[in-house]
Amino acid sequence: MNKSTASGKFDQIKGKMKQSIGEAMDNDRMANSGAMDQVKGHAKEAWGDTKDAAKSTSRNTYDDSVARTDERSEKHDLRNKVTSAARDVKESISNKADDFKHKRSA
């Protein structure tokens, strides 16, 4: 677990607490702030997980000492996996933010 992952988990917990307190006190501003903290926390955690995966995979690729052409192919695949994971996370976060906006505006 790296700093981004830990910080993301903390933001999620903090956000859940703020949202619960805001809802209990009928304070929409606090409840909304808590929900946004949760979204931010999920994004940070996803970023941390992506960094961990990239480091782990790059170490494994380096340690395996594969033939030069195979190594290039693996590095290319790794870059594609990392960028694809980042794109998926961004889309997921955007979708959750859009859902949140639509629920609050309805």
PDB file of N, CA and C in Angstrom:
ATOM      1  N   MET A   1       0.856  -1.173   0.000  1.00  0.00           N
ATOM      2  CA  MET A   1       0.000   0.000   0.000  1.00  0.00           C
ATOM      3  C   MET A   1       0.902   1.236   0.000  1.00  0.00           C
ATOM      4  N   ASN A   2       0.625   2.151  -0.896  1.00  0.00           N
ATOM      5  CA  ASN A   2       1.413   3.385  -0.962  1.00  0.00           C
ATOM      6  C   ASN A   2       0.613   4.552  -0.384  1.00  0.00           C
ATOM      7  N   LYS A   3       1.215   5.737  -0.416  1.00  0.00           N
ATOM      8  CA  LYS A   3       0.578   6.916   0.181  1.00  0.00           C
ATOM      9  C   LYS A   3      -0.750   7.260  -0.489  1.00  0.00           C
ATOM     10  N   SER A   4      -0.815   7.124  -1.797  1.00  0.00           N
ATOM     11  CA  SER A   4      -2.055   7.448  -2.515  1.00  0.00           C
ATOM     12  C   SER A   4      -3.196   6.530  -2.090  1.00  0.00           C
ATOM     13  N   THR A   5      -2.892   5.244  -1.969  1.00  0.00           N
ATOM     14  CA  THR A   5      -3.915   4.287  -1.573  1.00  0.00           C
ATOM     15  C   THR A   5      -4.399   4.574  -0.154  1.00  0.00           C
ATOM     16  N   ALA A   6      -3.462   4.798   0.753  1.00  0.00           N
ATOM     17  CA  ALA A   6      -3.823   5.080   2.146  1.00  0.00           C
ATOM     18  C   ALA A   6      -4.621   6.382   2.254  1.00  0.00           C
ATOM     19  N   SER A   7      -4.170   7.402   1.560  1.00  0.00           N
ATOM     20  CA  SER A   7      -4.865   8.689   1.577  1.00  0.00           C
ATOM     21  C   SER A   7      -6.274   8.546   1.005  1.00  0.00           C
ATOM     22  N   GLY A   8      -6.404   7.743  -0.035  1.00  0.00           N
ATOM     23  CA  GLY A   8      -7.715   7.516  -0.643  1.00  0.00           C
ATOM     24  C   GLY A   8      -8.668   6.826   0.318  1.00  0.00           C
ATOM     25  N   LYS A   9      -8.171   5.820   1.028  1.00  0.00           N
ATOM     26  CA  LYS A   9      -9.016   5.119   1.999  1.00  0.00           C
ATOM     27  C   LYS A   9      -9.447   6.081   3.116  1.00  0.00           C
ATOM     28  N   PHE A  10      -8.509   6.921   3.574  1.00  0.00           N
ATOM     29  CA  PHE A  10      -8.835   7.897   4.609  1.00  0.00           C
ATOM     30  C   PHE A  10      -9.922   8.859   4.127  1.00  0.00           C
ATOM     31  N   ASP A  11      -9.782   9.367   2.892  1.00  0.00           N
ATOM     32  CA  ASP A  11     -10.782  10.285   2.349  1.00  0.00           C
ATOM     33  C   ASP A  11     -12.155   9.622   2.244  1.00  0.00           C
ATOM     34  N   GLN A  12     -12.178   8.337   1.896  1.00  0.00           N
ATOM     35  CA  GLN A  12     -13.456   7.633   1.804  1.00  0.00           C
ATOM     36  C   GLN A  12     -14.127   7.540   3.174  1.00  0.00           C
ATOM     37  N   ILE A  13     -13.357   7.189   4.193  1.00  0.00           N
ATOM     38  CA  ILE A  13     -13.908   7.076   5.545  1.00  0.00           C
ATOM     39  C   ILE A  13     -14.390   8.439   6.035  1.00  0.00           C
ATOM     40  N   LYS A  14     -13.541   9.453   5.837  1.00  0.00           N
ATOM     41  CA  LYS A  14     -13.904  10.818   6.235  1.00  0.00           C
ATOM     42  C   LYS A  14     -15.179  11.252   5.518  1.00  0.00           C
ATOM     43  N   GLY A  15     -15.265  10.954   4.227  1.00  0.00           N
ATOM     44  CA  GLY A  15     -16.440  11.330   3.443  1.00  0.00           C
ATOM     45  C   GLY A  15     -17.708  10.645   3.913  1.00  0.00           C
ATOM     46  N   LYS A  16     -17.598   9.360   4.254  1.00  0.00           N
ATOM     47  CA  LYS A  16     -18.772   8.638   4.749  1.00  0.00           C
ATOM     48  C   LYS A  16     -19.270   9.257   6.055  1.00  0.00           C
ATOM     49  N   MET A  17     -18.329   9.606   6.928  1.00  0.00           N
ATOM     50  CA  MET A  17     -18.706  10.222   8.199  1.00  0.00           C
ATOM     51  C   MET A  17     -19.377  11.579   7.969  1.00  0.00           C
ATOM     52  N   LYS A  18     -18.767  12.415   7.115  1.00  0.00           N
ATOM     53  CA  LYS A  18     -19.344  13.730   6.832  1.00  0.00           C
ATOM     54  C   LYS A  18     -20.735  13.603   6.222  1.00  0.00           C
ATOM     55  N   GLN A  19     -20.875  12.664   5.306  1.00  0.00           N
ATOM     56  CA  GLN A  19     -22.173  12.474   4.656  1.00  0.00           C
ATOM     57  C   GLN A  19     -23.225  12.034   5.680  1.00  0.00           C
ATOM     58  N   SER A  20     -22.867  11.082   6.530  1.00  0.00           N
ATOM     59  CA  SER A  20     -23.819  10.593   7.544  1.00  0.00           C
ATOM     60  C   SER A  20     -24.211  11.694   8.512  1.00  0.00           C
ATOM     61  N   ILE A  21     -23.224  12.458   8.973  1.00  0.00           N
ATOM     62  CA  ILE A  21     -23.512  13.555   9.903  1.00  0.00           C
ATOM     63  C   ILE A  21     -24.370  14.615   9.219  1.00  0.00           C
ATOM     64  N   GLY A  22     -24.007  14.958   7.984  1.00  0.00           N
ATOM     65  CA  GLY A  22     -24.776  15.956   7.234  1.00  0.00           C
ATOM     66  C   GLY A  22     -26.218  15.534   7.031  1.00  0.00           C
ATOM     67  N   GLU A  23     -26.417  14.251   6.707  1.00  0.00           N
ATOM     68  CA  GLU A  23     -27.785  13.761   6.510  1.00  0.00           C
ATOM     69  C   GLU A  23     -28.549  13.746   7.833  1.00  0.00           C
ATOM     70  N   ALA A  24     -27.870  13.356   8.924  1.00  0.00           N
ATOM     71  CA  ALA A  24     -28.530  13.327  10.230  1.00  0.00           C
ATOM     72  C   ALA A  24     -28.929  14.725  10.687  1.00  0.00           C
ATOM     73  N   MET A  25     -28.120  15.716  10.328  1.00  0.00           N
ATOM     74  CA  MET A  25     -28.394  17.097  10.733  1.00  0.00           C
ATOM     75  C   MET A  25     -29.213  17.844   9.683  1.00  0.00           C
ATOM     76  N   ASP A  26     -29.605  17.146   8.612  1.00  0.00           N
ATOM     77  CA  ASP A  26     -30.330  17.752   7.498  1.00  0.00           C
ATOM     78  C   ASP A  26     -29.535  18.912   6.893  1.00  0.00           C
ATOM     79  N   ASN A  27     -28.225  18.692   6.767  1.00  0.00           N
ATOM     80  CA  ASN A  27     -27.303  19.684   6.219  1.00  0.00           C
ATOM     81  C   ASN A  27     -26.813  19.164   4.869  1.00  0.00           C
ATOM     82  N   ASP A  28     -27.483  19.585   3.798  1.00  0.00           N
ATOM     83  CA  ASP A  28     -27.134  19.097   2.463  1.00  0.00           C
ATOM     84  C   ASP A  28     -25.713  19.455   2.058  1.00  0.00           C
ATOM     85  N   ARG A  29     -25.263  20.625   2.444  1.00  0.00           N
ATOM     86  CA  ARG A  29     -23.915  21.048   2.067  1.00  0.00           C
ATOM     87  C   ARG A  29     -22.864  20.087   2.640  1.00  0.00           C
ATOM     88  N   MET A  30     -23.013  19.717   3.912  1.00  0.00           N
ATOM     89  CA  MET A  30     -22.071  18.798   4.534  1.00  0.00           C
ATOM     90  C   MET A  30     -22.192  17.396   3.928  1.00  0.00           C
ATOM     91  N   ALA A  31     -23.415  16.956   3.682  1.00  0.00           N
ATOM     92  CA  ALA A  31     -23.626  15.632   3.090  1.00  0.00           C
ATOM     93  C   ALA A  31     -23.022  15.561   1.688  1.00  0.00           C
ATOM     94  N   ASN A  32     -23.213  16.611   0.904  1.00  0.00           N
ATOM     95  CA  ASN A  32     -22.635  16.652  -0.444  1.00  0.00           C
ATOM     96  C   ASN A  32     -21.118  16.682  -0.395  1.00  0.00           C
ATOM     97  N   SER A  33     -20.565  17.436   0.544  1.00  0.00           N
ATOM     98  CA  SER A  33     -19.119  17.495   0.709  1.00  0.00           C
ATOM     99  C   SER A  33     -18.561  16.117   1.052  1.00  0.00           C
ATOM    100  N   GLY A  34     -19.286  15.392   1.899  1.00  0.00           N
ATOM    101  CA  GLY A  34     -18.871  14.038   2.248  1.00  0.00           C
ATOM    102  C   GLY A  34     -18.888  13.110   1.051  1.00  0.00           C
ATOM    103  N   ALA A  35     -19.908  13.231   0.225  1.00  0.00           N
ATOM    104  CA  ALA A  35     -19.984  12.398  -0.980  1.00  0.00           C
ATOM    105  C   ALA A  35     -18.818  12.699  -1.917  1.00  0.00           C
ATOM    106  N   MET A  36     -18.478  13.971  -2.048  1.00  0.00           N
ATOM    107  CA  MET A  36     -17.359  14.338  -2.927  1.00  0.00           C
ATOM    108  C   MET A  36     -16.025  13.847  -2.349  1.00  0.00           C
ATOM    109  N   ASP A  37     -15.884  13.871  -1.023  1.00  0.00           N
ATOM    110  CA  ASP A  37     -14.680  13.312  -0.403  1.00  0.00           C
ATOM    111  C   ASP A  37     -14.551  11.827  -0.726  1.00  0.00           C
ATOM    112  N   GLN A  38     -15.682  11.131  -0.743  1.00  0.00           N
ATOM    113  CA  GLN A  38     -15.652   9.709  -1.081  1.00  0.00           C
ATOM    114  C   GLN A  38     -15.206   9.492  -2.523  1.00  0.00           C
ATOM    115  N   VAL A  39     -15.718  10.305  -3.439  1.00  0.00           N
ATOM    116  CA  VAL A  39     -15.323  10.201  -4.849  1.00  0.00           C
ATOM    117  C   VAL A  39     -13.825  10.468  -4.979  1.00  0.00           C
ATOM    118  N   LYS A  40     -13.350  11.515  -4.305  1.00  0.00           N
ATOM    119  CA  LYS A  40     -11.921  11.842  -4.329  1.00  0.00           C
ATOM    120  C   LYS A  40     -11.102  10.683  -3.764  1.00  0.00           C
ATOM    121  N   GLY A  41     -11.591  10.078  -2.691  1.00  0.00           N
ATOM    122  CA  GLY A  41     -10.891   8.952  -2.075  1.00  0.00           C
ATOM    123  C   GLY A  41     -10.801   7.753  -3.003  1.00  0.00           C
ATOM    124  N   HIS A  42     -11.890   7.470  -3.697  1.00  0.00           N
ATOM    125  CA  HIS A  42     -11.877   6.356  -4.649  1.00  0.00           C
ATOM    126  C   HIS A  42     -10.861   6.619  -5.764  1.00  0.00           C
ATOM    127  N   ALA A  43     -10.796   7.852  -6.228  1.00  0.00           N
ATOM    128  CA  ALA A  43      -9.848   8.193  -7.293  1.00  0.00           C
ATOM    129  C   ALA A  43      -8.408   8.035  -6.802  1.00  0.00           C
ATOM    130  N   LYS A  44      -8.125   8.525  -5.593  1.00  0.00           N
ATOM    131  CA  LYS A  44      -6.772   8.393  -5.047  1.00  0.00           C
ATOM    132  C   LYS A  44      -6.392   6.924  -4.867  1.00  0.00           C
ATOM    133  N   GLU A  45      -7.331   6.146  -4.345  1.00  0.00           N
ATOM    134  CA  GLU A  45      -7.038   4.729  -4.124  1.00  0.00           C
ATOM    135  C   GLU A  45      -6.784   4.016  -5.452  1.00  0.00           C
ATOM    136  N   ALA A  46      -7.598   4.328  -6.457  1.00  0.00           N
ATOM    137  CA  ALA A  46      -7.402   3.720  -7.780  1.00  0.00           C
ATOM    138  C   ALA A  46      -6.048   4.110  -8.355  1.00  0.00           C
ATOM    139  N   TRP A  47      -5.660   5.364  -8.188  1.00  0.00           N
ATOM    140  CA  TRP A  47      -4.356   5.825  -8.668  1.00  0.00           C
ATOM    141  C   TRP A  47      -3.236   5.074  -7.947  1.00  0.00           C
ATOM    142  N   GLY A  48      -3.362   4.916  -6.641  1.00  0.00           N
ATOM    143  CA  GLY A  48      -2.355   4.181  -5.874  1.00  0.00           C
ATOM    144  C   GLY A  48      -2.259   2.733  -6.309  1.00  0.00           C
ATOM    145  N   ASP A  49      -3.407   2.090  -6.551  1.00  0.00           N
ATOM    146  CA  ASP A  49      -3.410   0.709  -7.015  1.00  0.00           C
ATOM    147  C   ASP A  49      -2.753   0.599  -8.393  1.00  0.00           C
ATOM    148  N   THR A  50      -3.006   1.580  -9.244  1.00  0.00           N
ATOM    149  CA  THR A  50      -2.395   1.587 -10.581  1.00  0.00           C
ATOM    150  C   THR A  50      -0.882   1.726 -10.478  1.00  0.00           C
ATOM    151  N   LYS A  51      -0.412   2.615  -9.595  1.00  0.00           N
ATOM    152  CA  LYS A  51       1.027   2.781  -9.404  1.00  0.00           C
ATOM    153  C   LYS A  51       1.662   1.497  -8.879  1.00  0.00           C
ATOM    154  N   ASP A  52       1.010   0.847  -7.915  1.00  0.00           N
ATOM    155  CA  ASP A  52       1.531  -0.404  -7.374  1.00  0.00           C
ATOM    156  C   ASP A  52       1.622  -1.479  -8.453  1.00  0.00           C
ATOM    157  N   ALA A  53       0.584  -1.570  -9.269  1.00  0.00           N
ATOM    158  CA  ALA A  53       0.571  -2.574 -10.331  1.00  0.00           C
ATOM    159  C   ALA A  53       1.678  -2.313 -11.339  1.00  0.00           C
ATOM    160  N   ALA A  54       1.888  -1.054 -11.686  1.00  0.00           N
ATOM    161  CA  ALA A  54       2.929  -0.719 -12.653  1.00  0.00           C
ATOM    162  C   ALA A  54       4.315  -1.044 -12.097  1.00  0.00           C
ATOM    163  N   LYS A  55       4.542  -0.715 -10.839  1.00  0.00           N
ATOM    164  CA  LYS A  55       5.839  -1.016 -10.219  1.00  0.00           C
ATOM    165  C   LYS A  55       6.070  -2.516 -10.146  1.00  0.00           C
ATOM    166  N   SER A  56       5.057  -3.236  -9.729  1.00  0.00           N
ATOM    167  CA  SER A  56       5.172  -4.684  -9.591  1.00  0.00           C
ATOM    168  C   SER A  56       5.469  -5.341 -10.937  1.00  0.00           C
ATOM    169  N   THR A  57       4.716  -4.926 -11.944  1.00  0.00           N
ATOM    170  CA  THR A  57       4.895  -5.515 -13.268  1.00  0.00           C
ATOM    171  C   THR A  57       6.230  -5.138 -13.867  1.00  0.00           C
ATOM    172  N   SER A  58       6.668  -3.896 -13.669  1.00  0.00           N
ATOM    173  CA  SER A  58       7.954  -3.491 -14.240  1.00  0.00           C
ATOM    174  C   SER A  58       9.099  -4.230 -13.564  1.00  0.00           C
ATOM    175  N   ARG A  59       8.990  -4.470 -12.244  1.00  0.00           N
ATOM    176  CA  ARG A  59      10.027  -5.247 -11.558  1.00  0.00           C
ATOM    177  C   ARG A  59      10.061  -6.670 -12.082  1.00  0.00           C
ATOM    178  N   ASN A  60       8.876  -7.263 -12.266  1.00  0.00           N
ATOM    179  CA  ASN A  60       8.819  -8.634 -12.769  1.00  0.00           C
ATOM    180  C   ASN A  60       9.402  -8.724 -14.173  1.00  0.00           C
ATOM    181  N   THR A  61       9.101  -7.747 -15.002  1.00  0.00           N
ATOM    182  CA  THR A  61       9.635  -7.739 -16.367  1.00  0.00           C
ATOM    183  C   THR A  61      11.151  -7.626 -16.329  1.00  0.00           C
ATOM    184  N   TYR A  62      11.671  -6.763 -15.463  1.00  0.00           N
ATOM    185  CA  TYR A  62      13.115  -6.568 -15.352  1.00  0.00           C
ATOM    186  C   TYR A  62      13.795  -7.833 -14.832  1.00  0.00           C
ATOM    187  N   ASP A  63      13.231  -8.457 -13.837  1.00  0.00           N
ATOM    188  CA  ASP A  63      13.834  -9.626 -13.201  1.00  0.00           C
ATOM    189  C   ASP A  63      13.798 -10.865 -14.083  1.00  0.00           C
ATOM    190  N   ASP A  64      12.838 -10.936 -14.973  1.00  0.00           N
ATOM    191  CA  ASP A  64      12.691 -12.136 -15.801  1.00  0.00           C
ATOM    192  C   ASP A  64      13.784 -12.276 -16.860  1.00  0.00           C
ATOM    193  N   SER A  65      14.439 -11.212 -17.236  1.00  0.00           N
ATOM    194  CA  SER A  65      15.499 -11.228 -18.246  1.00  0.00           C
ATOM    195  C   SER A  65      15.059 -11.963 -19.508  1.00  0.00           C
ATOM    196  N   VAL A  66      13.960 -11.522 -20.070  1.00  0.00           N
ATOM    197  CA  VAL A  66      13.407 -12.127 -21.278  1.00  0.00           C
ATOM    198  C   VAL A  66      14.206 -11.631 -22.481  1.00  0.00           C
ATOM    199  N   ALA A  67      14.121 -12.339 -23.585  1.00  0.00           N
ATOM    200  CA  ALA A  67      14.809 -11.921 -24.811  1.00  0.00           C
ATOM    201  C   ALA A  67      14.388 -10.505 -25.173  1.00  0.00           C
ATOM    202  N   ARG A  68      15.264  -9.774 -25.862  1.00  0.00           N
ATOM    203  CA  ARG A  68      15.055  -8.355 -26.154  1.00  0.00           C
ATOM    204  C   ARG A  68      13.705  -8.073 -26.819  1.00  0.00           C
ATOM    205  N   THR A  69      13.336  -8.831 -27.832  1.00  0.00           N
ATOM    206  CA  THR A  69      12.071  -8.570 -28.524  1.00  0.00           C
ATOM    207  C   THR A  69      10.876  -8.887 -27.631  1.00  0.00           C
ATOM    208  N   ASP A  70      10.981  -9.954 -26.863  1.00  0.00           N
ATOM    209  CA  ASP A  70       9.899 -10.287 -25.937  1.00  0.00           C
ATOM    210  C   ASP A  70       9.764  -9.206 -24.880  1.00  0.00           C
ATOM    211  N   GLU A  71      10.885  -8.661 -24.432  1.00  0.00           N
ATOM    212  CA  GLU A  71      10.867  -7.607 -23.416  1.00  0.00           C
ATOM    213  C   GLU A  71      10.173  -6.364 -23.953  1.00  0.00           C
ATOM    214  N   ARG A  72      10.462  -6.005 -25.196  1.00  0.00           N
ATOM    215  CA  ARG A  72       9.795  -4.845 -25.795  1.00  0.00           C
ATOM    216  C   ARG A  72       8.294  -5.062 -25.856  1.00  0.00           C
ATOM    217  N   SER A  73       7.915  -6.263 -26.253  1.00  0.00           N
ATOM    218  CA  SER A  73       6.493  -6.582 -26.348  1.00  0.00           C
ATOM    219  C   SER A  73       5.831  -6.512 -24.973  1.00  0.00           C
ATOM    220  N   GLU A  74       6.497  -7.038 -23.948  1.00  0.00           N
ATOM    221  CA  GLU A  74       5.941  -7.005 -22.595  1.00  0.00           C
ATOM    222  C   GLU A  74       5.836  -5.568 -22.080  1.00  0.00           C
ATOM    223  N   LYS A  75       6.847  -4.764 -22.368  1.00  0.00           N
ATOM    224  CA  LYS A  75       6.799  -3.364 -21.938  1.00  0.00           C
ATOM    225  C   LYS A  75       5.660  -2.629 -22.630  1.00  0.00           C
ATOM    226  N   HIS A  76       5.495  -2.919 -23.913  1.00  0.00           N
ATOM    227  CA  HIS A  76       4.394  -2.318 -24.667  1.00  0.00           C
ATOM    228  C   HIS A  76       3.054  -2.737 -24.052  1.00  0.00           C
ATOM    229  N   ASP A  77       2.919  -4.037 -23.766  1.00  0.00           N
ATOM    230  CA  ASP A  77       1.682  -4.540 -23.155  1.00  0.00           C
ATOM    231  C   ASP A  77       1.450  -3.894 -21.796  1.00  0.00           C
ATOM    232  N   LEU A  78       2.505  -3.740 -21.015  1.00  0.00           N
ATOM    233  CA  LEU A  78       2.386  -3.114 -19.702  1.00  0.00           C
ATOM    234  C   LEU A  78       1.904  -1.671 -19.836  1.00  0.00           C
ATOM    235  N   ARG A  79       2.516  -0.926 -20.760  1.00  0.00           N
ATOM    236  CA  ARG A  79       2.087   0.458 -20.961  1.00  0.00           C
ATOM    237  C   ARG A  79       0.624   0.513 -21.370  1.00  0.00           C
ATOM    238  N   ASN A  80       0.210  -0.396 -22.232  1.00  0.00           N
ATOM    239  CA  ASN A  80      -1.195  -0.435 -22.652  1.00  0.00           C
ATOM    240  C   ASN A  80      -2.115  -0.773 -21.482  1.00  0.00           C
ATOM    241  N   LYS A  81      -1.697  -1.700 -20.621  1.00  0.00           N
ATOM    242  CA  LYS A  81      -2.517  -2.065 -19.461  1.00  0.00           C
ATOM    243  C   LYS A  81      -2.650  -0.888 -18.502  1.00  0.00           C
ATOM    244  N   VAL A  82      -1.546  -0.189 -18.258  1.00  0.00           N
ATOM    245  CA  VAL A  82      -1.578   0.934 -17.323  1.00  0.00           C
ATOM    246  C   VAL A  82      -2.445   2.058 -17.869  1.00  0.00           C
ATOM    247  N   THR A  83      -2.269   2.412 -19.130  1.00  0.00           N
ATOM    248  CA  THR A  83      -3.075   3.491 -19.694  1.00  0.00           C
ATOM    249  C   THR A  83      -4.545   3.082 -19.788  1.00  0.00           C
ATOM    250  N   SER A  84      -4.803   1.815 -20.081  1.00  0.00           N
ATOM    251  CA  SER A  84      -6.177   1.330 -20.133  1.00  0.00           C
ATOM    252  C   SER A  84      -6.816   1.369 -18.747  1.00  0.00           C
ATOM    253  N   ALA A  85      -6.066   0.965 -17.730  1.00  0.00           N
ATOM    254  CA  ALA A  85      -6.590   1.004 -16.355  1.00  0.00           C
ATOM    255  C   ALA A  85      -6.883   2.445 -15.939  1.00  0.00           C
ATOM    256  N   ALA A  86      -5.995   3.357 -16.278  1.00  0.00           N
ATOM    257  CA  ALA A  86      -6.206   4.760 -15.933  1.00  0.00           C
ATOM    258  C   ALA A  86      -7.445   5.311 -16.639  1.00  0.00           C
ATOM    259  N   ARG A  87      -7.621   4.956 -17.904  1.00  0.00           N
ATOM    260  CA  ARG A  87      -8.793   5.399 -18.660  1.00  0.00           C
ATOM    261  C   ARG A  87     -10.073   4.833 -18.040  1.00  0.00           C
ATOM    262  N   ASP A  88     -10.048   3.548 -17.666  1.00  0.00           N
ATOM    263  CA  ASP A  88     -11.219   2.925 -17.047  1.00  0.00           C
ATOM    264  C   ASP A  88     -11.567   3.600 -15.723  1.00  0.00           C
ATOM    265  N   VAL A  89     -10.548   3.924 -14.933  1.00  0.00           N
ATOM    266  CA  VAL A  89     -10.779   4.596 -13.656  1.00  0.00           C
ATOM    267  C   VAL A  89     -11.392   5.971 -13.894  1.00  0.00           C
ATOM    268  N   LYS A  90     -10.828   6.699 -14.845  1.00  0.00           N
ATOM    269  CA  LYS A  90     -11.353   8.037 -15.157  1.00  0.00           C
ATOM    270  C   LYS A  90     -12.808   7.957 -15.591  1.00  0.00           C
ATOM    271  N   GLU A  91     -13.129   7.003 -16.445  1.00  0.00           N
ATOM    272  CA  GLU A  91     -14.507   6.857 -16.919  1.00  0.00           C
ATOM    273  C   GLU A  91     -15.435   6.462 -15.785  1.00  0.00           C
ATOM    274  N   SER A  92     -14.972   5.582 -14.917  1.00  0.00           N
ATOM    275  CA  SER A  92     -15.778   5.166 -13.777  1.00  0.00           C
ATOM    276  C   SER A  92     -16.066   6.348 -12.857  1.00  0.00           C
ATOM    277  N   ILE A  93     -15.044   7.135 -12.583  1.00  0.00           N
ATOM    278  CA  ILE A  93     -15.217   8.297 -11.715  1.00  0.00           C
ATOM    279  C   ILE A  93     -16.136   9.317 -12.373  1.00  0.00           C
ATOM    280  N   SER A  94     -15.949   9.539 -13.658  1.00  0.00           N
ATOM    281  CA  SER A  94     -16.814  10.479 -14.373  1.00  0.00           C
ATOM    282  C   SER A  94     -18.263  10.017 -14.340  1.00  0.00           C
ATOM    283  N   ASN A  95     -18.483   8.720 -14.532  1.00  0.00           N
ATOM    284  CA  ASN A  95     -19.848   8.183 -14.497  1.00  0.00           C
ATOM    285  C   ASN A  95     -20.470   8.346 -13.113  1.00  0.00           C
ATOM    286  N   LYS A  96     -19.683   8.073 -12.070  1.00  0.00           N
ATOM    287  CA  LYS A  96     -20.200   8.236 -10.707  1.00  0.00           C
ATOM    288  C   LYS A  96     -20.509   9.697 -10.421  1.00  0.00           C
ATOM    289  N   ALA A  97     -19.650  10.603 -10.870  1.00  0.00           N
ATOM    290  CA  ALA A  97     -19.893  12.028 -10.663  1.00  0.00           C
ATOM    291  C   ALA A  97     -21.146  12.470 -11.415  1.00  0.00           C
ATOM    292  N   ASP A  98     -21.321  11.986 -12.642  1.00  0.00           N
ATOM    293  CA  ASP A  98     -22.522  12.317 -13.418  1.00  0.00           C
ATOM    294  C   ASP A  98     -23.775  11.775 -12.734  1.00  0.00           C
ATOM    295  N   ASP A  99     -23.705  10.527 -12.256  1.00  0.00           N
ATOM    296  CA  ASP A  99     -24.852   9.956 -11.548  1.00  0.00           C
ATOM    297  C   ASP A  99     -25.186  10.793 -10.324  1.00  0.00           C
ATOM    298  N   PHE A 100     -24.158  11.210  -9.610  1.00  0.00           N
ATOM    299  CA  PHE A 100     -24.354  12.024  -8.412  1.00  0.00           C
ATOM    300  C   PHE A 100     -25.037  13.343  -8.762  1.00  0.00           C
ATOM    301  N   LYS A 101     -24.553  13.983  -9.834  1.00  0.00           N
ATOM    302  CA  LYS A 101     -25.156  15.249 -10.262  1.00  0.00           C
ATOM    303  C   LYS A 101     -26.620  15.074 -10.627  1.00  0.00           C
ATOM    304  N   HIS A 102     -26.906  13.984 -11.384  1.00  0.00           N
ATOM    305  CA  HIS A 102     -28.276  13.755 -11.820  1.00  0.00           C
ATOM    306  C   HIS A 102     -29.183  13.432 -10.638  1.00  0.00           C
ATOM    307  N   LYS A 103     -28.699  12.676  -9.680  1.00  0.00           N
ATOM    308  CA  LYS A 103     -29.516  12.342  -8.506  1.00  0.00           C
ATOM    309  C   LYS A 103     -29.816  13.587  -7.697  1.00  0.00           C
ATOM    310  N   ARG A 104     -28.838  14.466  -7.569  1.00  0.00           N
ATOM    311  CA  ARG A 104     -29.019  15.675  -6.765  1.00  0.00           C
ATOM    312  C   ARG A 104     -29.871  16.729  -7.485  1.00  0.00           C
ATOM    313  N   SER A 105     -29.863  16.704  -8.807  1.00  0.00           N
ATOM    314  CA  SER A 105     -30.640  17.700  -9.548  1.00  0.00           C
ATOM    315  C   SER A 105     -32.087  17.249  -9.760  1.00  0.00           C
ATOM    316  N   ALA A 106     -32.346  15.960  -9.539  1.00  0.00           N
ATOM    317  CA  ALA A 106     -33.709  15.434  -9.746  1.00  0.00           C
ATOM    318  C   ALA A 106     -34.610  15.755  -8.586  1.00  0.00           C
TER     319      ALA A 106
END
